[in-house]
PDB file of N, CA and C in Angstrom:
ATOM      1  N   MET A   1      -9.258 -39.228  -7.748  1.00  0.00           N
ATOM      2  CA  MET A   1      -9.092 -37.788  -7.903  1.00  0.00           C
ATOM      3  C   MET A   1     -10.188 -37.260  -8.821  1.00  0.00           C
ATOM      4  N   VAL A   2     -10.826 -36.179  -8.385  1.00  0.00           N
ATOM      5  CA  VAL A   2     -11.813 -35.513  -9.223  1.00  0.00           C
ATOM      6  C   VAL A   2     -11.186 -34.267  -9.825  1.00  0.00           C
ATOM      7  N   LEU A   3     -11.708 -33.874 -10.966  1.00  0.00           N
ATOM      8  CA  LEU A   3     -11.233 -32.677 -11.640  1.00  0.00           C
ATOM      9  C   LEU A   3     -12.413 -31.748 -11.882  1.00  0.00           C
ATOM     10  N   VAL A   4     -12.119 -30.487 -12.116  1.00  0.00           N
ATOM     11  CA  VAL A   4     -13.159 -29.480 -12.301  1.00  0.00           C
ATOM     12  C   VAL A   4     -13.383 -29.234 -13.788  1.00  0.00           C
ATOM     13  N   ASN A   5     -14.647 -29.252 -14.198  1.00  0.00           N
ATOM     14  CA  ASN A   5     -15.013 -28.922 -15.582  1.00  0.00           C
ATOM     15  C   ASN A   5     -15.432 -27.464 -15.731  1.00  0.00           C
ATOM     16  N   LYS A   6     -16.081 -26.929 -14.676  1.00  0.00           N
ATOM     17  CA  LYS A   6     -16.627 -25.574 -14.758  1.00  0.00           C
ATOM     18  C   LYS A   6     -16.792 -25.024 -13.346  1.00  0.00           C
ATOM     19  N   ALA A   7     -16.599 -23.715 -13.192  1.00  0.00           N
ATOM     20  CA  ALA A   7     -16.812 -23.039 -11.907  1.00  0.00           C
ATOM     21  C   ALA A   7     -17.426 -21.677 -12.161  1.00  0.00           C
ATOM     22  N   VAL A   8     -18.504 -21.381 -11.451  1.00  0.00           N
ATOM     23  CA  VAL A   8     -19.235 -20.134 -11.645  1.00  0.00           C
ATOM     24  C   VAL A   8     -19.511 -19.499 -10.286  1.00  0.00           C
ATOM     25  N   PRO A   9     -19.193 -18.211 -10.110  1.00  0.00           N
ATOM     26  CA  PRO A   9     -19.538 -17.529  -8.853  1.00  0.00           C
ATOM     27  C   PRO A   9     -21.065 -17.515  -8.669  1.00  0.00           C
ATOM     28  N   ILE A  10     -21.508 -17.704  -7.435  1.00  0.00           N
ATOM     29  CA  ILE A  10     -22.942 -17.709  -7.144  1.00  0.00           C
ATOM     30  C   ILE A  10     -23.374 -16.281  -6.831  1.00  0.00           C
ATOM     31  N   PRO A  11     -24.275 -15.721  -7.634  1.00  0.00           N
ATOM     32  CA  PRO A  11     -24.726 -14.342  -7.404  1.00  0.00           C
ATOM     33  C   PRO A  11     -25.357 -14.187  -6.018  1.00  0.00           C
ATOM     34  N   GLY A  12     -24.973 -13.128  -5.329  1.00  0.00           N
ATOM     35  CA  GLY A  12     -25.537 -12.828  -4.024  1.00  0.00           C
ATOM     36  C   GLY A  12     -24.904 -13.589  -2.869  1.00  0.00           C
ATOM     37  N   LEU A  13     -23.970 -14.485  -3.166  1.00  0.00           N
ATOM     38  CA  LEU A  13     -23.287 -15.241  -2.117  1.00  0.00           C
ATOM     39  C   LEU A  13     -21.780 -15.082  -2.301  1.00  0.00           C
ATOM     40  N   ASP A  14     -21.251 -13.998  -1.786  1.00  0.00           N
ATOM     41  CA  ASP A  14     -19.828 -13.700  -1.947  1.00  0.00           C
ATOM     42  C   ASP A  14     -18.959 -14.871  -1.489  1.00  0.00           C
ATOM     43  N   GLY A  15     -17.942 -15.162  -2.278  1.00  0.00           N
ATOM     44  CA  GLY A  15     -16.976 -16.189  -1.915  1.00  0.00           C
ATOM     45  C   GLY A  15     -17.439 -17.611  -2.129  1.00  0.00           C
ATOM     46  N   ARG A  16     -18.512 -17.775  -2.889  1.00  0.00           N
ATOM     47  CA  ARG A  16     -19.020 -19.128  -3.124  1.00  0.00           C
ATOM     48  C   ARG A  16     -19.108 -19.412  -4.616  1.00  0.00           C
ATOM     49  N   LEU A  17     -18.813 -20.660  -4.959  1.00  0.00           N
ATOM     50  CA  LEU A  17     -18.823 -21.090  -6.355  1.00  0.00           C
ATOM     51  C   LEU A  17     -19.770 -22.266  -6.545  1.00  0.00           C
ATOM     52  N   PHE A  18     -20.318 -22.349  -7.744  1.00  0.00           N
ATOM     53  CA  PHE A  18     -21.045 -23.537  -8.178  1.00  0.00           C
ATOM     54  C   PHE A  18     -20.075 -24.276  -9.087  1.00  0.00           C
ATOM     55  N   VAL A  19     -19.658 -25.465  -8.662  1.00  0.00           N
ATOM     56  CA  VAL A  19     -18.585 -26.180  -9.352  1.00  0.00           C
ATOM     57  C   VAL A  19     -19.122 -27.468  -9.968  1.00  0.00           C
ATOM     58  N   HIS A  20     -18.787 -27.676 -11.246  1.00  0.00           N
ATOM     59  CA  HIS A  20     -19.124 -28.891 -11.978  1.00  0.00           C
ATOM     60  C   HIS A  20     -17.870 -29.765 -12.014  1.00  0.00           C
ATOM     61  N   PHE A  21     -17.985 -30.985 -11.493  1.00  0.00           N
ATOM     62  CA  PHE A  21     -16.848 -31.900 -11.454  1.00  0.00           C
ATOM     63  C   PHE A  21     -16.929 -32.922 -12.586  1.00  0.00           C
ATOM     64  N   ASP A  22     -15.789 -33.536 -12.892  1.00  0.00           N
ATOM     65  CA  ASP A  22     -15.735 -34.459 -14.021  1.00  0.00           C
ATOM     66  C   ASP A  22     -16.477 -35.776 -13.774  1.00  0.00           C
ATOM     67  N   ASN A  23     -16.901 -36.027 -12.540  1.00  0.00           N
ATOM     68  CA  ASN A  23     -17.677 -37.229 -12.257  1.00  0.00           C
ATOM     69  C   ASN A  23     -19.182 -36.982 -12.400  1.00  0.00           C
ATOM     70  N   GLY A  24     -19.535 -35.776 -12.876  1.00  0.00           N
ATOM     71  CA  GLY A  24     -20.933 -35.428 -13.097  1.00  0.00           C
ATOM     72  C   GLY A  24     -21.594 -34.705 -11.938  1.00  0.00           C
ATOM     73  N   GLU A  25     -20.948 -34.670 -10.789  1.00  0.00           N
ATOM     74  CA  GLU A  25     -21.548 -33.984  -9.641  1.00  0.00           C
ATOM     75  C   GLU A  25     -21.360 -32.482  -9.742  1.00  0.00           C
ATOM     76  N   GLN A  26     -22.325 -31.772  -9.164  1.00  0.00           N
ATOM     77  CA  GLN A  26     -22.277 -30.316  -9.086  1.00  0.00           C
ATOM     78  C   GLN A  26     -22.445 -29.948  -7.622  1.00  0.00           C
ATOM     79  N   LYS A  27     -21.584 -29.051  -7.154  1.00  0.00           N
ATOM     80  CA  LYS A  27     -21.621 -28.696  -5.739  1.00  0.00           C
ATOM     81  C   LYS A  27     -21.450 -27.197  -5.531  1.00  0.00           C
ATOM     82  N   PHE A  28     -22.035 -26.719  -4.429  1.00  0.00           N
ATOM     83  CA  PHE A  28     -21.810 -25.370  -3.949  1.00  0.00           C
ATOM     84  C   PHE A  28     -20.578 -25.436  -3.059  1.00  0.00           C
ATOM     85  N   VAL A  29     -19.593 -24.578  -3.315  1.00  0.00           N
ATOM     86  CA  VAL A  29     -18.361 -24.596  -2.538  1.00  0.00           C
ATOM     87  C   VAL A  29     -18.107 -23.213  -1.950  1.00  0.00           C
ATOM     88  N   ASN A  30     -17.912 -23.171  -0.637  1.00  0.00           N
ATOM     89  CA  ASN A  30     -17.608 -21.928   0.066  1.00  0.00           C
ATOM     90  C   ASN A  30     -16.087 -21.754   0.082  1.00  0.00           C
ATOM     91  N   ILE A  31     -15.597 -20.738  -0.611  1.00  0.00           N
ATOM     92  CA  ILE A  31     -14.163 -20.477  -0.698  1.00  0.00           C
ATOM     93  C   ILE A  31     -13.695 -19.565   0.444  1.00  0.00           C
ATOM     94  N   ASN A  32     -14.613 -18.929   1.156  1.00  0.00           N
ATOM     95  CA  ASN A  32     -14.254 -17.966   2.203  1.00  0.00           C
ATOM     96  C   ASN A  32     -13.214 -18.473   3.200  1.00  0.00           C
ATOM     97  N   PRO A  33     -13.284 -19.718   3.667  1.00  0.00           N
ATOM     98  CA  PRO A  33     -12.274 -20.176   4.635  1.00  0.00           C
ATOM     99  C   PRO A  33     -10.842 -20.195   4.076  1.00  0.00           C
ATOM    100  N   HIS A  34     -10.709 -20.153   2.763  1.00  0.00           N
ATOM    101  CA  HIS A  34      -9.384 -20.188   2.133  1.00  0.00           C
ATOM    102  C   HIS A  34      -8.819 -18.792   1.852  1.00  0.00           C
ATOM    103  N   MET A  35      -9.611 -17.773   2.120  1.00  0.00           N
ATOM    104  CA  MET A  35      -9.238 -16.412   1.734  1.00  0.00           C
ATOM    105  C   MET A  35      -8.332 -15.747   2.762  1.00  0.00           C
ATOM    106  N   ASP A  36      -7.135 -16.276   2.894  1.00  0.00           N
ATOM    107  CA  ASP A  36      -6.137 -15.625   3.742  1.00  0.00           C
ATOM    108  C   ASP A  36      -4.770 -15.784   3.084  1.00  0.00           C
ATOM    109  N   GLY A  37      -3.813 -15.048   3.599  1.00  0.00           N
ATOM    110  CA  GLY A  37      -2.468 -15.089   3.006  1.00  0.00           C
ATOM    111  C   GLY A  37      -2.496 -14.659   1.551  1.00  0.00           C
ATOM    112  N   VAL A  38      -1.904 -15.467   0.708  1.00  0.00           N
ATOM    113  CA  VAL A  38      -1.832 -15.173  -0.727  1.00  0.00           C
ATOM    114  C   VAL A  38      -3.231 -15.071  -1.356  1.00  0.00           C
ATOM    115  N   LEU A  39      -4.197 -15.810  -0.801  1.00  0.00           N
ATOM    116  CA  LEU A  39      -5.555 -15.813  -1.351  1.00  0.00           C
ATOM    117  C   LEU A  39      -6.446 -14.716  -0.766  1.00  0.00           C
ATOM    118  N   ASP A  40      -5.893 -13.836   0.029  1.00  0.00           N
ATOM    119  CA  ASP A  40      -6.642 -12.720   0.606  1.00  0.00           C
ATOM    120  C   ASP A  40      -7.287 -11.856  -0.473  1.00  0.00           C
ATOM    121  N   ILE A  41      -6.668 -11.788  -1.632  1.00  0.00           N
ATOM    122  CA  ILE A  41      -7.195 -10.987  -2.744  1.00  0.00           C
ATOM    123  C   ILE A  41      -8.560 -11.484  -3.210  1.00  0.00           C
ATOM    124  N   LEU A  42      -8.889 -12.738  -2.909  1.00  0.00           N
ATOM    125  CA  LEU A  42     -10.188 -13.279  -3.311  1.00  0.00           C
ATOM    126  C   LEU A  42     -11.347 -12.621  -2.562  1.00  0.00           C
ATOM    127  N   LYS A  43     -11.042 -11.881  -1.501  1.00  0.00           N
ATOM    128  CA  LYS A  43     -12.083 -11.151  -0.774  1.00  0.00           C
ATOM    129  C   LYS A  43     -12.642 -10.002  -1.609  1.00  0.00           C
ATOM    130  N   ASN A  44     -11.911  -9.597  -2.628  1.00  0.00           N
ATOM    131  CA  ASN A  44     -12.373  -8.559  -3.541  1.00  0.00           C
ATOM    132  C   ASN A  44     -13.354  -9.211  -4.524  1.00  0.00           C
ATOM    133  N   PRO A  45     -14.662  -8.857  -4.446  1.00  0.00           N
ATOM    134  CA  PRO A  45     -15.657  -9.508  -5.303  1.00  0.00           C
ATOM    135  C   PRO A  45     -15.350  -9.406  -6.794  1.00  0.00           C
ATOM    136  N   GLU A  46     -14.817  -8.278  -7.219  1.00  0.00           N
ATOM    137  CA  GLU A  46     -14.496  -8.111  -8.637  1.00  0.00           C
ATOM    138  C   GLU A  46     -13.417  -9.109  -9.064  1.00  0.00           C
ATOM    139  N   PHE A  47     -12.400  -9.270  -8.238  1.00  0.00           N
ATOM    140  CA  PHE A  47     -11.340 -10.231  -8.542  1.00  0.00           C
ATOM    141  C   PHE A  47     -11.877 -11.664  -8.453  1.00  0.00           C
ATOM    142  N   PHE A  48     -12.696 -11.941  -7.446  1.00  0.00           N
ATOM    143  CA  PHE A  48     -13.252 -13.280  -7.264  1.00  0.00           C
ATOM    144  C   PHE A  48     -14.002 -13.744  -8.512  1.00  0.00           C
ATOM    145  N   ARG A  49     -14.727 -12.817  -9.144  1.00  0.00           N
ATOM    146  CA  ARG A  49     -15.512 -13.160 -10.340  1.00  0.00           C
ATOM    147  C   ARG A  49     -14.638 -13.489 -11.554  1.00  0.00           C
ATOM    148  N   LYS A  50     -13.331 -13.295 -11.450  1.00  0.00           N
ATOM    149  CA  LYS A  50     -12.417 -13.636 -12.552  1.00  0.00           C
ATOM    150  C   LYS A  50     -12.028 -15.114 -12.534  1.00  0.00           C
ATOM    151  N   VAL A  51     -12.706 -15.897 -11.729  1.00  0.00           N
ATOM    152  CA  VAL A  51     -12.413 -17.327 -11.615  1.00  0.00           C
ATOM    153  C   VAL A  51     -12.540 -18.014 -12.979  1.00  0.00           C
ATOM    154  N   TYR A  52     -11.684 -18.993 -13.200  1.00  0.00           N
ATOM    155  CA  TYR A  52     -11.766 -19.821 -14.408  1.00  0.00           C
ATOM    156  C   TYR A  52     -11.201 -21.201 -14.086  1.00  0.00           C
ATOM    157  N   VAL A  53     -11.365 -22.127 -15.001  1.00  0.00           N
ATOM    158  CA  VAL A  53     -10.809 -23.466 -14.822  1.00  0.00           C
ATOM    159  C   VAL A  53      -9.526 -23.561 -15.628  1.00  0.00           C
ATOM    160  N   ASP A  54      -8.435 -23.852 -14.947  1.00  0.00           N
ATOM    161  CA  ASP A  54      -7.148 -24.054 -15.608  1.00  0.00           C
ATOM    162  C   ASP A  54      -7.242 -25.350 -16.415  1.00  0.00           C
ATOM    163  N   GLU A  55      -7.017 -25.258 -17.718  1.00  0.00           N
ATOM    164  CA  GLU A  55      -7.173 -26.406 -18.607  1.00  0.00           C
ATOM    165  C   GLU A  55      -6.187 -27.531 -18.306  1.00  0.00           C
ATOM    166  N   GLU A  56      -4.996 -27.185 -17.849  1.00  0.00           N
ATOM    167  CA  GLU A  56      -3.988 -28.203 -17.548  1.00  0.00           C
ATOM    168  C   GLU A  56      -4.225 -28.844 -16.182  1.00  0.00           C
ATOM    169  N   LEU A  57      -4.440 -28.007 -15.164  1.00  0.00           N
ATOM    170  CA  LEU A  57      -4.628 -28.512 -13.807  1.00  0.00           C
ATOM    171  C   LEU A  57      -6.039 -29.026 -13.556  1.00  0.00           C
ATOM    172  N   ARG A  58      -6.992 -28.521 -14.352  1.00  0.00           N
ATOM    173  CA  ARG A  58      -8.411 -28.861 -14.220  1.00  0.00           C
ATOM    174  C   ARG A  58      -8.927 -28.579 -12.804  1.00  0.00           C
ATOM    175  N   THR A  59      -8.621 -27.348 -12.364  1.00  0.00           N
ATOM    176  CA  THR A  59      -9.126 -26.901 -11.080  1.00  0.00           C
ATOM    177  C   THR A  59      -9.505 -25.428 -11.148  1.00  0.00           C
ATOM    178  N   VAL A  60     -10.108 -24.949 -10.082  1.00  0.00           N
ATOM    179  CA  VAL A  60     -10.509 -23.559  -9.949  1.00  0.00           C
ATOM    180  C   VAL A  60      -9.257 -22.697  -9.821  1.00  0.00           C
ATOM    181  N   THR A  61      -9.213 -21.629 -10.643  1.00  0.00           N
ATOM    182  CA  THR A  61      -8.023 -20.779 -10.702  1.00  0.00           C
ATOM    183  C   THR A  61      -8.431 -19.323 -10.871  1.00  0.00           C
ATOM    184  N   TRP A  62      -7.551 -18.430 -10.399  1.00  0.00           N
ATOM    185  CA  TRP A  62      -7.708 -16.995 -10.610  1.00  0.00           C
ATOM    186  C   TRP A  62      -6.412 -16.468 -11.212  1.00  0.00           C
ATOM    187  N   PRO A  63      -6.456 -15.274 -11.814  1.00  0.00           N
ATOM    188  CA  PRO A  63      -5.228 -14.693 -12.363  1.00  0.00           C
ATOM    189  C   PRO A  63      -4.110 -14.670 -11.316  1.00  0.00           C
ATOM    190  N   GLY A  64      -2.893 -14.871 -11.769  1.00  0.00           N
ATOM    191  CA  GLY A  64      -1.748 -14.914 -10.869  1.00  0.00           C
ATOM    192  C   GLY A  64      -1.458 -16.326 -10.396  1.00  0.00           C
ATOM    193  N   GLU A  65      -2.036 -17.303 -11.079  1.00  0.00           N
ATOM    194  CA  GLU A  65      -1.840 -18.717 -10.755  1.00  0.00           C
ATOM    195  C   GLU A  65      -2.290 -19.063  -9.343  1.00  0.00           C
ATOM    196  N   LEU A  66      -3.391 -18.467  -8.933  1.00  0.00           N
ATOM    197  CA  LEU A  66      -3.990 -18.774  -7.641  1.00  0.00           C
ATOM    198  C   LEU A  66      -4.992 -19.899  -7.855  1.00  0.00           C
ATOM    199  N   ASP A  67      -4.698 -21.070  -7.340  1.00  0.00           N
ATOM    200  CA  ASP A  67      -5.609 -22.190  -7.556  1.00  0.00           C
ATOM    201  C   ASP A  67      -5.820 -22.970  -6.268  1.00  0.00           C
ATOM    202  N   LEU A  68      -6.869 -23.780  -6.293  1.00  0.00           N
ATOM    203  CA  LEU A  68      -7.225 -24.608  -5.143  1.00  0.00           C
ATOM    204  C   LEU A  68      -7.266 -26.071  -5.569  1.00  0.00           C
ATOM    205  N   ASP A  69      -6.970 -26.950  -4.637  1.00  0.00           N
ATOM    206  CA  ASP A  69      -6.965 -28.378  -4.898  1.00  0.00           C
ATOM    207  C   ASP A  69      -8.374 -28.872  -5.243  1.00  0.00           C
ATOM    208  N   PRO A  70      -8.551 -29.542  -6.393  1.00  0.00           N
ATOM    209  CA  PRO A  70      -9.891 -29.986  -6.777  1.00  0.00           C
ATOM    210  C   PRO A  70     -10.489 -31.011  -5.808  1.00  0.00           C
ATOM    211  N   ASP A  71      -9.648 -31.859  -5.223  1.00  0.00           N
ATOM    212  CA  ASP A  71     -10.169 -32.838  -4.260  1.00  0.00           C
ATOM    213  C   ASP A  71     -10.714 -32.148  -3.015  1.00  0.00           C
ATOM    214  N   SER A  72     -10.029 -31.096  -2.566  1.00  0.00           N
ATOM    215  CA  SER A  72     -10.511 -30.334  -1.400  1.00  0.00           C
ATOM    216  C   SER A  72     -11.837 -29.655  -1.715  1.00  0.00           C
ATOM    217  N   LEU A  73     -11.929 -29.077  -2.902  1.00  0.00           N
ATOM    218  CA  LEU A  73     -13.176 -28.431  -3.315  1.00  0.00           C
ATOM    219  C   LEU A  73     -14.327 -29.439  -3.299  1.00  0.00           C
ATOM    220  N   TYR A  74     -14.048 -30.617  -3.819  1.00  0.00           N
ATOM    221  CA  TYR A  74     -15.070 -31.659  -3.881  1.00  0.00           C
ATOM    222  C   TYR A  74     -15.511 -32.077  -2.474  1.00  0.00           C
ATOM    223  N   GLU A  75     -14.543 -32.303  -1.603  1.00  0.00           N
ATOM    224  CA  GLU A  75     -14.850 -32.728  -0.236  1.00  0.00           C
ATOM    225  C   GLU A  75     -15.593 -31.658   0.556  1.00  0.00           C
ATOM    226  N   GLU A  76     -15.239 -30.398   0.334  1.00  0.00           N
ATOM    227  CA  GLU A  76     -15.850 -29.292   1.084  1.00  0.00           C
ATOM    228  C   GLU A  76     -17.201 -28.870   0.516  1.00  0.00           C
ATOM    229  N   GLY A  77     -17.479 -29.243  -0.718  1.00  0.00           N
ATOM    230  CA  GLY A  77     -18.702 -28.805  -1.381  1.00  0.00           C
ATOM    231  C   GLY A  77     -19.951 -29.470  -0.831  1.00  0.00           C
ATOM    232  N   ILE A  78     -21.055 -28.797  -1.061  1.00  0.00           N
ATOM    233  CA  ILE A  78     -22.362 -29.314  -0.673  1.00  0.00           C
ATOM    234  C   ILE A  78     -23.124 -29.637  -1.953  1.00  0.00           C
ATOM    235  N   GLY A  79     -23.588 -30.870  -2.065  1.00  0.00           N
ATOM    236  CA  GLY A  79     -24.292 -31.319  -3.260  1.00  0.00           C
ATOM    237  C   GLY A  79     -25.662 -30.675  -3.424  1.00  0.00           C
ATOM    238  N   ILE A  80     -26.125 -30.673  -4.663  1.00  0.00           N
ATOM    239  CA  ILE A  80     -27.423 -30.086  -5.003  1.00  0.00           C
ATOM    240  C   ILE A  80     -28.552 -30.736  -4.196  1.00  0.00           C
ATOM    241  N   LYS A  81     -28.546 -32.052  -4.091  1.00  0.00           N
ATOM    242  CA  LYS A  81     -29.624 -32.737  -3.366  1.00  0.00           C
ATOM    243  C   LYS A  81     -29.665 -32.311  -1.899  1.00  0.00           C
ATOM    244  N   GLU A  82     -28.504 -32.112  -1.305  1.00  0.00           N
ATOM    245  CA  GLU A  82     -28.457 -31.668   0.088  1.00  0.00           C
ATOM    246  C   GLU A  82     -29.009 -30.249   0.218  1.00  0.00           C
ATOM    247  N   ILE A  83     -28.641 -29.378  -0.722  1.00  0.00           N
ATOM    248  CA  ILE A  83     -29.170 -28.002  -0.726  1.00  0.00           C
ATOM    249  C   ILE A  83     -30.693 -28.027  -0.856  1.00  0.00           C
ATOM    250  N   GLU A  84     -31.193 -28.861  -1.771  1.00  0.00           N
ATOM    251  CA  GLU A  84     -32.644 -28.968  -1.955  1.00  0.00           C
ATOM    252  C   GLU A  84     -33.327 -29.442  -0.678  1.00  0.00           C
ATOM    253  N   SER A  85     -32.708 -30.397   0.037  1.00  0.00           N
ATOM    254  CA  SER A  85     -33.273 -30.892   1.295  1.00  0.00           C
ATOM    255  C   SER A  85     -33.308 -29.799   2.353  1.00  0.00           C
ATOM    256  N   ILE A  86     -32.249 -29.007   2.415  1.00  0.00           N
ATOM    257  CA  ILE A  86     -32.189 -27.906   3.385  1.00  0.00           C
ATOM    258  C   ILE A  86     -33.271 -26.874   3.082  1.00  0.00           C
ATOM    259  N   ILE A  87     -33.434 -26.535   1.818  1.00  0.00           N
ATOM    260  CA  ILE A  87     -34.461 -25.560   1.425  1.00  0.00           C
ATOM    261  C   ILE A  87     -35.846 -26.086   1.778  1.00  0.00           C
ATOM    262  N   LYS A  88     -36.091 -27.352   1.482  1.00  0.00           N
ATOM    263  CA  LYS A  88     -37.387 -27.960   1.785  1.00  0.00           C
ATOM    264  C   LYS A  88     -37.648 -27.923   3.292  1.00  0.00           C
ATOM    265  N   ALA A  89     -36.641 -28.303   4.084  1.00  0.00           N
ATOM    266  CA  ALA A  89     -36.795 -28.303   5.541  1.00  0.00           C
ATOM    267  C   ALA A  89     -37.019 -26.894   6.078  1.00  0.00           C
ATOM    268  N   ALA A  90     -36.330 -25.912   5.494  1.00  0.00           N
ATOM    269  CA  ALA A  90     -36.425 -24.529   5.974  1.00  0.00           C
ATOM    270  C   ALA A  90     -37.821 -23.952   5.784  1.00  0.00           C
ATOM    271  N   LYS A  91     -38.598 -24.551   4.918  1.00  0.00           N
ATOM    272  CA  LYS A  91     -39.951 -24.060   4.648  1.00  0.00           C
ATOM    273  C   LYS A  91     -40.990 -24.642   5.600  1.00  0.00           C
ATOM    274  N   THR A  92     -40.574 -25.502   6.521  1.00  0.00           N
ATOM    275  CA  THR A  92     -41.529 -26.145   7.422  1.00  0.00           C
ATOM    276  C   THR A  92     -41.623 -25.403   8.753  1.00  0.00           C
ATOM    277  N   PRO A  93     -42.784 -25.469   9.402  1.00  0.00           N
ATOM    278  CA  PRO A  93     -42.927 -24.849  10.724  1.00  0.00           C
ATOM    279  C   PRO A  93     -41.968 -25.463  11.753  1.00  0.00           C
ATOM    280  N   GLN A  94     -41.712 -26.775  11.627  1.00  0.00           N
ATOM    281  CA  GLN A  94     -40.816 -27.440  12.573  1.00  0.00           C
ATOM    282  C   GLN A  94     -39.410 -26.846  12.522  1.00  0.00           C
ATOM    283  N   PHE A  95     -38.961 -26.479  11.341  1.00  0.00           N
ATOM    284  CA  PHE A  95     -37.626 -25.899  11.207  1.00  0.00           C
ATOM    285  C   PHE A  95     -37.574 -24.538  11.896  1.00  0.00           C
ATOM    286  N   ASN A  96     -38.607 -23.730  11.695  1.00  0.00           N
ATOM    287  CA  ASN A  96     -38.658 -22.419  12.352  1.00  0.00           C
ATOM    288  C   ASN A  96     -38.702 -22.572  13.870  1.00  0.00           C
ATOM    289  N   GLU A  97     -39.428 -23.556  14.362  1.00  0.00           N
ATOM    290  CA  GLU A  97     -39.475 -23.832  15.807  1.00  0.00           C
ATOM    291  C   GLU A  97     -38.078 -24.243  16.295  1.00  0.00           C
ATOM    292  N   PHE A  98     -37.418 -25.081  15.511  1.00  0.00           N
ATOM    293  CA  PHE A  98     -36.065 -25.506  15.867  1.00  0.00           C
ATOM    294  C   PHE A  98     -35.133 -24.303  15.984  1.00  0.00           C
ATOM    295  N   LEU A  99     -35.192 -23.396  15.019  1.00  0.00           N
ATOM    296  CA  LEU A  99     -34.329 -22.215  15.029  1.00  0.00           C
ATOM    297  C   LEU A  99     -34.594 -21.339  16.267  1.00  0.00           C
ATOM    298  N   GLU A 100     -35.851 -21.232  16.648  1.00  0.00           N
ATOM    299  CA  GLU A 100     -36.187 -20.442  17.825  1.00  0.00           C
ATOM    300  C   GLU A 100     -35.618 -21.049  19.099  1.00  0.00           C
ATOM    301  N   ARG A 101     -35.563 -22.384  19.162  1.00  0.00           N
ATOM    302  CA  ARG A 101     -35.052 -23.080  20.351  1.00  0.00           C
ATOM    303  C   ARG A 101     -33.522 -23.155  20.354  1.00  0.00           C
ATOM    304  N   ALA A 102     -32.938 -23.156  19.186  1.00  0.00           N
ATOM    305  CA  ALA A 102     -31.481 -23.378  19.084  1.00  0.00           C
ATOM    306  C   ALA A 102     -30.651 -22.213  19.568  1.00  0.00           C
TER     307      ALA A 102
END
């Protein structure tokens, strides 16, 4: 089981967090797929930015005891190295050619 040490909303990417886990990994996590039912309020950017880490549960939480499972966040997250690889690939002519064909 992994736990969350820190969670920060990513500027310019609504519904996404940069999450620091207790195993030292940092990941980008897209919360948008979870924003339905009780979590529909997270679609409000102002409310979304009120995210914090619950000290007892050690997971991502919002006011009203709205929290997400830390293991799910970890599994769904994209690691920094993967993001860096995607950015590097996106800067190549081959990637642009791929996008045109896809």
